[in-house]
Amino acid sequence: LRRAANYSRISIGGRRGLRTTLTNRSEVSGQPETIE
């Protein structure tokens, strides 16, 4: 599991939040997966 992007500011339910993209290798398939 690795962070693949910088943080961006977002709103969650009207509150300040952060979003980032992560990459990982699936425990299930062994294939790359992308996570937000």
Full PDB file with SEQRES, HELIX, SHEET, SSBOND, CRYST1, ORIGX, SCALE, CONECT and MASTER records, all heavy atoms in Angstrom:
SEQRES   1 A   36  LEU ARG ARG ALA ALA ASN TYR SER ARG ILE SER ILE GLY          
SEQRES   2 A   36  GLY ARG ARG GLY LEU ARG THR THR LEU THR ASN ARG SER          
SEQRES   3 A   36  GLU VAL SER GLY GLN PRO GLU THR ILE GLU                      
SHEET    1 AA1 3 ARG A   2  ARG A   3  0                                        
SHEET    2 AA1 3 LEU A  22  ARG A  25 -1                                        
SHEET    3 AA1 3 PRO A  32  ILE A  35 -1                                        
SHEET    1 AA2 2 SER A   8  ILE A  12  0                                        
SHEET    2 AA2 2 ARG A  15  ARG A  19 -1                                        
CRYST1    1.000    1.000    1.000  90.00  90.00  90.00 P 1           1          
ORIGX1      1.000000  0.000000  0.000000        0.00000                         
ORIGX2      0.000000  1.000000  0.000000        0.00000                         
ORIGX3      0.000000  0.000000  1.000000        0.00000                         
SCALE1      1.000000  0.000000  0.000000        0.00000                         
SCALE2      0.000000  1.000000  0.000000        0.00000                         
SCALE3      0.000000  0.000000  1.000000        0.00000                         
ATOM      1  N   LEU A   1       0.839  -1.204   0.000  1.00  0.00           N  
ATOM      2  CA  LEU A   1       0.000   0.000   0.000  1.00  0.00           C  
ATOM      3  C   LEU A   1       0.871   1.250   0.000  1.00  0.00           C  
ATOM      4  O   LEU A   1       1.746   1.403   0.851  1.00  0.00           O  
ATOM      5  CB  LEU A   1      -0.910   0.001   1.233  1.00  0.00           C  
ATOM      6  CG  LEU A   1      -1.941   1.119   1.309  1.00  0.00           C  
ATOM      7  CD1 LEU A   1      -3.009   0.933   0.236  1.00  0.00           C  
ATOM      8  CD2 LEU A   1      -2.593   1.137   2.683  1.00  0.00           C  
ATOM      9  N   ARG A   2       0.639   2.128  -0.956  1.00  0.00           N  
ATOM     10  CA  ARG A   2       1.424   3.368  -1.097  1.00  0.00           C  
ATOM     11  C   ARG A   2       0.510   4.526  -1.453  1.00  0.00           C  
ATOM     12  O   ARG A   2      -0.442   4.360  -2.210  1.00  0.00           O  
ATOM     13  CB  ARG A   2       2.427   3.251  -2.254  1.00  0.00           C  
ATOM     14  CG  ARG A   2       3.381   2.093  -2.183  1.00  0.00           C  
ATOM     15  CD  ARG A   2       4.670   2.481  -1.485  1.00  0.00           C  
ATOM     16  NE  ARG A   2       5.619   1.398  -1.463  1.00  0.00           N  
ATOM     17  CZ  ARG A   2       5.635   0.406  -0.590  1.00  0.00           C  
ATOM     18  NH1 ARG A   2       4.724   0.338   0.350  1.00  0.00           N  
ATOM     19  NH2 ARG A   2       6.554  -0.532  -0.630  1.00  0.00           N  
ATOM     20  N   ARG A   3       0.860   5.701  -0.945  1.00  0.00           N  
ATOM     21  CA  ARG A   3       0.149   6.913  -1.376  1.00  0.00           C  
ATOM     22  C   ARG A   3       0.714   7.307  -2.732  1.00  0.00           C  
ATOM     23  O   ARG A   3       1.916   7.435  -2.902  1.00  0.00           O  
ATOM     24  CB  ARG A   3       0.333   8.032  -0.353  1.00  0.00           C  
ATOM     25  CG  ARG A   3      -0.564   9.213  -0.627  1.00  0.00           C  
ATOM     26  CD  ARG A   3      -0.848  10.025   0.625  1.00  0.00           C  
ATOM     27  NE  ARG A   3       0.322  10.597   1.246  1.00  0.00           N  
ATOM     28  CZ  ARG A   3       0.834  11.779   0.941  1.00  0.00           C  
ATOM     29  NH1 ARG A   3       0.293  12.524  -0.004  1.00  0.00           N  
ATOM     30  NH2 ARG A   3       1.900  12.230   1.568  1.00  0.00           N  
ATOM     31  N   ALA A   4      -0.180   7.490  -3.716  1.00  0.00           N  
ATOM     32  CA  ALA A   4       0.263   7.736  -5.095  1.00  0.00           C  
ATOM     33  C   ALA A   4      -0.009   9.167  -5.547  1.00  0.00           C  
ATOM     34  O   ALA A   4       0.281   9.516  -6.683  1.00  0.00           O  
ATOM     35  CB  ALA A   4      -0.451   6.765  -6.035  1.00  0.00           C  
ATOM     36  N   ALA A   5      -0.589   9.980  -4.671  1.00  0.00           N  
ATOM     37  CA  ALA A   5      -0.913  11.355  -5.052  1.00  0.00           C  
ATOM     38  C   ALA A   5      -0.858  12.241  -3.826  1.00  0.00           C  
ATOM     39  O   ALA A   5      -0.938  11.764  -2.696  1.00  0.00           O  
ATOM     40  CB  ALA A   5      -2.311  11.415  -5.675  1.00  0.00           C  
ATOM     41  N   ASN A   6      -0.734  13.545  -4.055  1.00  0.00           N  
ATOM     42  CA  ASN A   6      -0.810  14.499  -2.966  1.00  0.00           C  
ATOM     43  C   ASN A   6      -2.246  14.562  -2.458  1.00  0.00           C  
ATOM     44  O   ASN A   6      -3.167  14.070  -3.102  1.00  0.00           O  
ATOM     45  CB  ASN A   6      -0.369  15.883  -3.443  1.00  0.00           C  
ATOM     46  CG  ASN A   6       1.121  15.935  -3.701  1.00  0.00           C  
ATOM     47  OD1 ASN A   6       1.900  15.253  -3.043  1.00  0.00           O  
ATOM     48  ND2 ASN A   6       1.515  16.741  -4.676  1.00  0.00           N  
ATOM     49  N   TYR A   7      -2.431  15.204  -1.325  1.00  0.00           N  
ATOM     50  CA  TYR A   7      -3.775  15.405  -0.798  1.00  0.00           C  
ATOM     51  C   TYR A   7      -4.450  16.536  -1.551  1.00  0.00           C  
ATOM     52  O   TYR A   7      -3.815  17.523  -1.911  1.00  0.00           O  
ATOM     53  CB  TYR A   7      -3.716  15.767   0.689  1.00  0.00           C  
ATOM     54  CG  TYR A   7      -3.320  14.605   1.571  1.00  0.00           C  
ATOM     55  CD1 TYR A   7      -2.091  14.580   2.210  1.00  0.00           C  
ATOM     56  CD2 TYR A   7      -4.190  13.547   1.767  1.00  0.00           C  
ATOM     57  CE1 TYR A   7      -1.732  13.517   3.029  1.00  0.00           C  
ATOM     58  CE2 TYR A   7      -3.841  12.475   2.574  1.00  0.00           C  
ATOM     59  CZ  TYR A   7      -2.609  12.471   3.203  1.00  0.00           C  
ATOM     60  OH  TYR A   7      -2.266  11.421   3.999  1.00  0.00           O  
ATOM     61  N   SER A   8      -5.753  16.387  -1.767  1.00  0.00           N  
ATOM     62  CA  SER A   8      -6.550  17.508  -2.278  1.00  0.00           C  
ATOM     63  C   SER A   8      -7.648  17.782  -1.262  1.00  0.00           C  
ATOM     64  O   SER A   8      -8.088  16.886  -0.531  1.00  0.00           O  
ATOM     65  CB  SER A   8      -7.128  17.189  -3.661  1.00  0.00           C  
ATOM     66  OG  SER A   8      -7.905  16.011  -3.614  1.00  0.00           O  
ATOM     67  N   ARG A   9      -8.050  19.045  -1.196  1.00  0.00           N  
ATOM     68  CA  ARG A   9      -9.097  19.436  -0.252  1.00  0.00           C  
ATOM     69  C   ARG A   9     -10.463  19.135  -0.856  1.00  0.00           C  
ATOM     70  O   ARG A   9     -10.697  19.431  -2.026  1.00  0.00           O  
ATOM     71  CB  ARG A   9      -8.982  20.921   0.072  1.00  0.00           C  
ATOM     72  CG  ARG A   9      -7.695  21.251   0.780  1.00  0.00           C  
ATOM     73  CD  ARG A   9      -7.670  22.710   1.232  1.00  0.00           C  
ATOM     74  NE  ARG A   9      -6.379  23.078   1.755  1.00  0.00           N  
ATOM     75  CZ  ARG A   9      -5.910  22.704   2.947  1.00  0.00           C  
ATOM     76  NH1 ARG A   9      -6.640  21.971   3.732  1.00  0.00           N  
ATOM     77  NH2 ARG A   9      -4.710  23.077   3.342  1.00  0.00           N  
ATOM     78  N   ILE A  10     -11.332  18.541  -0.037  1.00  0.00           N  
ATOM     79  CA  ILE A  10     -12.690  18.238  -0.477  1.00  0.00           C  
ATOM     80  C   ILE A  10     -13.644  18.580   0.659  1.00  0.00           C  
ATOM     81  O   ILE A  10     -13.213  18.964   1.747  1.00  0.00           O  
ATOM     82  CB  ILE A  10     -12.855  16.752  -0.858  1.00  0.00           C  
ATOM     83  CG1 ILE A  10     -12.556  15.842   0.348  1.00  0.00           C  
ATOM     84  CG2 ILE A  10     -11.994  16.378  -2.056  1.00  0.00           C  
ATOM     85  CD1 ILE A  10     -13.042  14.426   0.184  1.00  0.00           C  
ATOM     86  N   SER A  11     -14.929  18.395   0.396  1.00  0.00           N  
ATOM     87  CA  SER A  11     -15.953  18.556   1.418  1.00  0.00           C  
ATOM     88  C   SER A  11     -16.643  17.208   1.594  1.00  0.00           C  
ATOM     89  O   SER A  11     -16.998  16.556   0.615  1.00  0.00           O  
ATOM     90  CB  SER A  11     -16.955  19.620   0.968  1.00  0.00           C  
ATOM     91  OG  SER A  11     -17.999  19.718   1.893  1.00  0.00           O  
ATOM     92  N   ILE A  12     -16.797  16.779   2.834  1.00  0.00           N  
ATOM     93  CA  ILE A  12     -17.542  15.560   3.156  1.00  0.00           C  
ATOM     94  C   ILE A  12     -18.673  15.960   4.085  1.00  0.00           C  
ATOM     95  O   ILE A  12     -18.424  16.397   5.205  1.00  0.00           O  
ATOM     96  CB  ILE A  12     -16.651  14.500   3.833  1.00  0.00           C  
ATOM     97  CG1 ILE A  12     -15.480  14.111   2.932  1.00  0.00           C  
ATOM     98  CG2 ILE A  12     -17.473  13.270   4.213  1.00  0.00           C  
ATOM     99  CD1 ILE A  12     -14.500  13.142   3.567  1.00  0.00           C  
ATOM    100  N   GLY A  13     -19.887  15.830   3.611  1.00  0.00           N  
ATOM    101  CA  GLY A  13     -21.033  16.215   4.438  1.00  0.00           C  
ATOM    102  C   GLY A  13     -20.966  17.656   4.894  1.00  0.00           C  
ATOM    103  O   GLY A  13     -21.381  17.972   5.998  1.00  0.00           O  
ATOM    104  N   GLY A  14     -20.410  18.538   4.054  1.00  0.00           N  
ATOM    105  CA  GLY A  14     -20.314  19.949   4.393  1.00  0.00           C  
ATOM    106  C   GLY A  14     -19.138  20.308   5.278  1.00  0.00           C  
ATOM    107  O   GLY A  14     -19.016  21.439   5.719  1.00  0.00           O  
ATOM    108  N   ARG A  15     -18.266  19.337   5.549  1.00  0.00           N  
ATOM    109  CA  ARG A  15     -17.091  19.591   6.392  1.00  0.00           C  
ATOM    110  C   ARG A  15     -15.818  19.500   5.562  1.00  0.00           C  
ATOM    111  O   ARG A  15     -15.765  18.772   4.580  1.00  0.00           O  
ATOM    112  CB  ARG A  15     -16.996  18.549   7.501  1.00  0.00           C  
ATOM    113  CG  ARG A  15     -18.197  18.571   8.398  1.00  0.00           C  
ATOM    114  CD  ARG A  15     -18.074  17.496   9.414  1.00  0.00           C  
ATOM    115  NE  ARG A  15     -19.367  17.311  10.055  1.00  0.00           N  
ATOM    116  CZ  ARG A  15     -19.540  16.750  11.219  1.00  0.00           C  
ATOM    117  NH1 ARG A  15     -18.507  16.306  11.889  1.00  0.00           N  
ATOM    118  NH2 ARG A  15     -20.736  16.617  11.733  1.00  0.00           N  
ATOM    119  N   ARG A  16     -14.787  20.189   6.038  1.00  0.00           N  
ATOM    120  CA  ARG A  16     -13.510  20.129   5.322  1.00  0.00           C  
ATOM    121  C   ARG A  16     -12.957  18.722   5.413  1.00  0.00           C  
ATOM    122  O   ARG A  16     -13.064  18.042   6.446  1.00  0.00           O  
ATOM    123  CB  ARG A  16     -12.521  21.140   5.891  1.00  0.00           C  
ATOM    124  CG  ARG A  16     -12.089  20.835   7.299  1.00  0.00           C  
ATOM    125  CD  ARG A  16     -11.163  21.899   7.881  1.00  0.00           C  
ATOM    126  NE  ARG A  16     -10.868  21.579   9.262  1.00  0.00           N  
ATOM    127  CZ  ARG A  16      -9.886  20.783   9.650  1.00  0.00           C  
ATOM    128  NH1 ARG A  16      -9.104  20.213   8.754  1.00  0.00           N  
ATOM    129  NH2 ARG A  16      -9.681  20.526  10.929  1.00  0.00           N  
ATOM    130  N   GLY A  17     -12.384  18.284   4.310  1.00  0.00           N  
ATOM    131  CA  GLY A  17     -11.811  16.950   4.285  1.00  0.00           C  
ATOM    132  C   GLY A  17     -10.625  16.895   3.346  1.00  0.00           C  
ATOM    133  O   GLY A  17     -10.279  17.887   2.689  1.00  0.00           O  
ATOM    134  N   LEU A  18     -10.007  15.732   3.309  1.00  0.00           N  
ATOM    135  CA  LEU A  18      -8.885  15.481   2.410  1.00  0.00           C  
ATOM    136  C   LEU A  18      -9.182  14.241   1.582  1.00  0.00           C  
ATOM    137  O   LEU A  18      -9.868  13.316   2.048  1.00  0.00           O  
ATOM    138  CB  LEU A  18      -7.594  15.238   3.197  1.00  0.00           C  
ATOM    139  CG  LEU A  18      -7.001  16.411   3.956  1.00  0.00           C  
ATOM    140  CD1 LEU A  18      -5.775  15.945   4.748  1.00  0.00           C  
ATOM    141  CD2 LEU A  18      -6.626  17.538   3.003  1.00  0.00           C  
ATOM    142  N   ARG A  19      -8.625  14.217   0.371  1.00  0.00           N  
ATOM    143  CA  ARG A  19      -8.713  13.037  -0.480  1.00  0.00           C  
ATOM    144  C   ARG A  19      -7.333  12.746  -1.044  1.00  0.00           C  
ATOM    145  O   ARG A  19      -6.589  13.671  -1.372  1.00  0.00           O  
ATOM    146  CB  ARG A  19      -9.689  13.266  -1.629  1.00  0.00           C  
ATOM    147  CG  ARG A  19      -9.684  12.098  -2.629  1.00  0.00           C  
ATOM    148  CD  ARG A  19     -10.610  12.338  -3.788  1.00  0.00           C  
ATOM    149  NE  ARG A  19     -11.961  12.259  -3.315  1.00  0.00           N  
ATOM    150  CZ  ARG A  19     -12.979  12.933  -3.851  1.00  0.00           C  
ATOM    151  NH1 ARG A  19     -12.780  13.740  -4.873  1.00  0.00           N  
ATOM    152  NH2 ARG A  19     -14.195  12.809  -3.378  1.00  0.00           N  
ATOM    153  N   THR A  20      -7.003  11.467  -1.142  1.00  0.00           N  
ATOM    154  CA  THR A  20      -5.769  11.063  -1.800  1.00  0.00           C  
ATOM    155  C   THR A  20      -5.996   9.732  -2.496  1.00  0.00           C  
ATOM    156  O   THR A  20      -6.967   9.018  -2.215  1.00  0.00           O  
ATOM    157  CB  THR A  20      -4.582  10.969  -0.813  1.00  0.00           C  
ATOM    158  OG1 THR A  20      -3.377  10.832  -1.558  1.00  0.00           O  
ATOM    159  CG2 THR A  20      -4.727   9.822   0.154  1.00  0.00           C  
ATOM    160  N   THR A  21      -5.095   9.412  -3.397  1.00  0.00           N  
ATOM    161  CA  THR A  21      -5.150   8.140  -4.118  1.00  0.00           C  
ATOM    162  C   THR A  21      -4.024   7.243  -3.622  1.00  0.00           C  
ATOM    163  O   THR A  21      -2.894   7.700  -3.418  1.00  0.00           O  
ATOM    164  CB  THR A  21      -5.004   8.375  -5.637  1.00  0.00           C  
ATOM    165  OG1 THR A  21      -6.053   9.255  -6.048  1.00  0.00           O  
ATOM    166  CG2 THR A  21      -5.107   7.078  -6.409  1.00  0.00           C  
ATOM    167  N   LEU A  22      -4.347   5.983  -3.415  1.00  0.00           N  
ATOM    168  CA  LEU A  22      -3.387   4.984  -2.969  1.00  0.00           C  
ATOM    169  C   LEU A  22      -3.315   3.877  -4.017  1.00  0.00           C  
ATOM    170  O   LEU A  22      -4.264   3.662  -4.766  1.00  0.00           O  
ATOM    171  CB  LEU A  22      -3.828   4.363  -1.635  1.00  0.00           C  
ATOM    172  CG  LEU A  22      -4.209   5.315  -0.511  1.00  0.00           C  
ATOM    173  CD1 LEU A  22      -4.851   4.551   0.639  1.00  0.00           C  
ATOM    174  CD2 LEU A  22      -2.994   6.071  -0.023  1.00  0.00           C  
ATOM    175  N   THR A  23      -2.193   3.183  -4.032  1.00  0.00           N  
ATOM    176  CA  THR A  23      -2.084   1.985  -4.855  1.00  0.00           C  
ATOM    177  C   THR A  23      -1.764   0.816  -3.937  1.00  0.00           C  
ATOM    178  O   THR A  23      -1.197   0.991  -2.858  1.00  0.00           O  
ATOM    179  CB  THR A  23      -0.977   2.120  -5.923  1.00  0.00           C  
ATOM    180  OG1 THR A  23       0.266   2.386  -5.271  1.00  0.00           O  
ATOM    181  CG2 THR A  23      -1.294   3.240  -6.904  1.00  0.00           C  
ATOM    182  N   ASN A  24      -2.147  -0.375  -4.388  1.00  0.00           N  
ATOM    183  CA  ASN A  24      -1.935  -1.568  -3.588  1.00  0.00           C  
ATOM    184  C   ASN A  24      -1.902  -2.773  -4.522  1.00  0.00           C  
ATOM    185  O   ASN A  24      -2.275  -2.664  -5.689  1.00  0.00           O  
ATOM    186  CB  ASN A  24      -3.062  -1.720  -2.560  1.00  0.00           C  
ATOM    187  CG  ASN A  24      -2.752  -2.754  -1.490  1.00  0.00           C  
ATOM    188  OD1 ASN A  24      -1.598  -3.020  -1.170  1.00  0.00           O  
ATOM    189  ND2 ASN A  24      -3.795  -3.338  -0.927  1.00  0.00           N  
ATOM    190  N   ARG A  25      -1.487  -3.898  -3.995  1.00  0.00           N  
ATOM    191  CA  ARG A  25      -1.611  -5.169  -4.712  1.00  0.00           C  
ATOM    192  C   ARG A  25      -2.667  -5.959  -3.961  1.00  0.00           C  
ATOM    193  O   ARG A  25      -2.571  -6.156  -2.756  1.00  0.00           O  
ATOM    194  CB  ARG A  25      -0.273  -5.913  -4.727  1.00  0.00           C  
ATOM    195  CG  ARG A  25      -0.318  -7.194  -5.519  1.00  0.00           C  
ATOM    196  CD  ARG A  25       1.059  -7.678  -5.929  1.00  0.00           C  
ATOM    197  NE  ARG A  25       1.825  -6.675  -6.670  1.00  0.00           N  
ATOM    198  CZ  ARG A  25       1.654  -6.376  -7.963  1.00  0.00           C  
ATOM    199  NH1 ARG A  25       0.734  -6.982  -8.656  1.00  0.00           N  
ATOM    200  NH2 ARG A  25       2.409  -5.468  -8.545  1.00  0.00           N  
ATOM    201  N   SER A  26      -3.708  -6.374  -4.666  1.00  0.00           N  
ATOM    202  CA  SER A  26      -4.834  -7.066  -4.048  1.00  0.00           C  
ATOM    203  C   SER A  26      -4.389  -8.369  -3.392  1.00  0.00           C  
ATOM    204  O   SER A  26      -3.682  -9.174  -4.003  1.00  0.00           O  
ATOM    205  CB  SER A  26      -5.892  -7.358  -5.109  1.00  0.00           C  
ATOM    206  OG  SER A  26      -6.867  -8.229  -4.590  1.00  0.00           O  
ATOM    207  N   GLU A  27      -4.830  -8.585  -2.129  1.00  0.00           N  
ATOM    208  CA  GLU A  27      -4.553  -9.854  -1.443  1.00  0.00           C  
ATOM    209  C   GLU A  27      -5.283 -10.991  -2.129  1.00  0.00           C  
ATOM    210  O   GLU A  27      -4.931 -12.152  -1.991  1.00  0.00           O  
ATOM    211  CB  GLU A  27      -5.035  -9.832   0.026  1.00  0.00           C  
ATOM    212  CG  GLU A  27      -4.676  -8.623   0.821  1.00  0.00           C  
ATOM    213  CD  GLU A  27      -5.816  -7.612   0.852  1.00  0.00           C  
ATOM    214  OE1 GLU A  27      -6.363  -7.278  -0.230  1.00  0.00           O  
ATOM    215  OE2 GLU A  27      -6.145  -7.113   1.922  1.00  0.00           O  
ATOM    216  N   VAL A  28      -6.350 -10.657  -2.853  1.00  0.00           N  
ATOM    217  CA  VAL A  28      -7.209 -11.661  -3.468  1.00  0.00           C  
ATOM    218  C   VAL A  28      -6.654 -12.115  -4.807  1.00  0.00           C  
ATOM    219  O   VAL A  28      -6.412 -13.296  -5.040  1.00  0.00           O  
ATOM    220  CB  VAL A  28      -8.631 -11.102  -3.668  1.00  0.00           C  
ATOM    221  CG1 VAL A  28      -9.526 -12.123  -4.344  1.00  0.00           C  
ATOM    222  CG2 VAL A  28      -9.216 -10.664  -2.340  1.00  0.00           C  
ATOM    223  N   SER A  29      -6.422 -11.144  -5.701  1.00  0.00           N  
ATOM    224  CA  SER A  29      -6.046 -11.479  -7.078  1.00  0.00           C  
ATOM    225  C   SER A  29      -4.552 -11.345  -7.347  1.00  0.00           C  
ATOM    226  O   SER A  29      -4.057 -11.855  -8.349  1.00  0.00           O  
ATOM    227  CB  SER A  29      -6.798 -10.563  -8.048  1.00  0.00           C  
ATOM    228  OG  SER A  29      -6.335  -9.224  -7.888  1.00  0.00           O  
ATOM    229  N   GLY A  30      -3.835 -10.639  -6.467  1.00  0.00           N  
ATOM    230  CA  GLY A  30      -2.432 -10.363  -6.720  1.00  0.00           C  
ATOM    231  C   GLY A  30      -2.222  -9.259  -7.744  1.00  0.00           C  
ATOM    232  O   GLY A  30      -1.097  -8.911  -8.079  1.00  0.00           O  
ATOM    233  N   GLN A  31      -3.324  -8.683  -8.237  1.00  0.00           N  
ATOM    234  CA  GLN A  31      -3.260  -7.638  -9.264  1.00  0.00           C  
ATOM    235  C   GLN A  31      -3.224  -6.253  -8.616  1.00  0.00           C  
ATOM    236  O   GLN A  31      -3.684  -6.061  -7.487  1.00  0.00           O  
ATOM    237  CB  GLN A  31      -4.479  -7.734 -10.188  1.00  0.00           C  
ATOM    238  CG  GLN A  31      -4.543  -9.044 -10.959  1.00  0.00           C  
ATOM    239  CD  GLN A  31      -3.316  -9.252 -11.809  1.00  0.00           C  
ATOM    240  OE1 GLN A  31      -2.920  -8.397 -12.588  1.00  0.00           O  
ATOM    241  NE2 GLN A  31      -2.667 -10.403 -11.632  1.00  0.00           N  
ATOM    242  N   PRO A  32      -2.723  -5.241  -9.349  1.00  0.00           N  
ATOM    243  CA  PRO A  32      -2.717  -3.876  -8.813  1.00  0.00           C  
ATOM    244  C   PRO A  32      -4.139  -3.359  -8.608  1.00  0.00           C  
ATOM    245  O   PRO A  32      -5.038  -3.668  -9.401  1.00  0.00           O  
ATOM    246  CB  PRO A  32      -2.008  -3.058  -9.900  1.00  0.00           C  
ATOM    247  CG  PRO A  32      -1.394  -4.032 -10.831  1.00  0.00           C  
ATOM    248  CD  PRO A  32      -2.110  -5.326 -10.670  1.00  0.00           C  
ATOM    249  N   GLU A  33      -4.322  -2.600  -7.532  1.00  0.00           N  
ATOM    250  CA  GLU A  33      -5.609  -1.943  -7.312  1.00  0.00           C  
ATOM    251  C   GLU A  33      -5.374  -0.484  -6.968  1.00  0.00           C  
ATOM    252  O   GLU A  33      -4.316  -0.108  -6.475  1.00  0.00           O  
ATOM    253  CB  GLU A  33      -6.426  -2.651  -6.227  1.00  0.00           C  
ATOM    254  CG  GLU A  33      -5.802  -2.691  -4.865  1.00  0.00           C  
ATOM    255  CD  GLU A  33      -6.595  -3.512  -3.848  1.00  0.00           C  
ATOM    256  OE1 GLU A  33      -7.689  -4.019  -4.175  1.00  0.00           O  
ATOM    257  OE2 GLU A  33      -6.116  -3.636  -2.718  1.00  0.00           O  
ATOM    258  N   THR A  34      -6.368   0.327  -7.289  1.00  0.00           N  
ATOM    259  CA  THR A  34      -6.324   1.754  -6.992  1.00  0.00           C  
ATOM    260  C   THR A  34      -7.387   2.043  -5.951  1.00  0.00           C  
ATOM    261  O   THR A  34      -8.509   1.527  -6.027  1.00  0.00           O  
ATOM    262  CB  THR A  34      -6.567   2.581  -8.273  1.00  0.00           C  
ATOM    263  OG1 THR A  34      -5.534   2.256  -9.218  1.00  0.00           O  
ATOM    264  CG2 THR A  34      -6.529   4.067  -7.980  1.00  0.00           C  
ATOM    265  N   ILE A  35      -7.023   2.857  -4.987  1.00  0.00           N  
ATOM    266  CA  ILE A  35      -7.893   3.160  -3.848  1.00  0.00           C  
ATOM    267  C   ILE A  35      -7.958   4.664  -3.688  1.00  0.00           C  
ATOM    268  O   ILE A  35      -6.937   5.344  -3.756  1.00  0.00           O  
ATOM    269  CB  ILE A  35      -7.317   2.521  -2.562  1.00  0.00           C  
ATOM    270  CG1 ILE A  35      -7.225   1.004  -2.727  1.00  0.00           C  
ATOM    271  CG2 ILE A  35      -8.124   2.916  -1.335  1.00  0.00           C  
ATOM    272  CD1 ILE A  35      -6.313   0.330  -1.740  1.00  0.00           C  
ATOM    273  N   GLU A  36      -9.158   5.169  -3.461  1.00  0.00           N  
ATOM    274  CA  GLU A  36      -9.304   6.585  -3.155  1.00  0.00           C  
ATOM    275  C   GLU A  36      -9.733   6.689  -1.703  1.00  0.00           C  
ATOM    276  O   GLU A  36     -10.684   6.021  -1.289  1.00  0.00           O  
ATOM    277  CB  GLU A  36     -10.350   7.197  -4.082  1.00  0.00           C  
ATOM    278  CG  GLU A  36     -10.105   8.646  -4.325  1.00  0.00           C  
ATOM    279  CD  GLU A  36     -10.908   9.140  -5.510  1.00  0.00           C  
ATOM    280  OE1 GLU A  36     -12.133   9.208  -5.401  1.00  0.00           O  
ATOM    281  OE2 GLU A  36     -10.281   9.436  -6.532  1.00  0.00           O  
TER     282      GLU A  36                                                      
MASTER        0    0    0    0    5    0    0    6  281    1    0    3          
END                                                                             
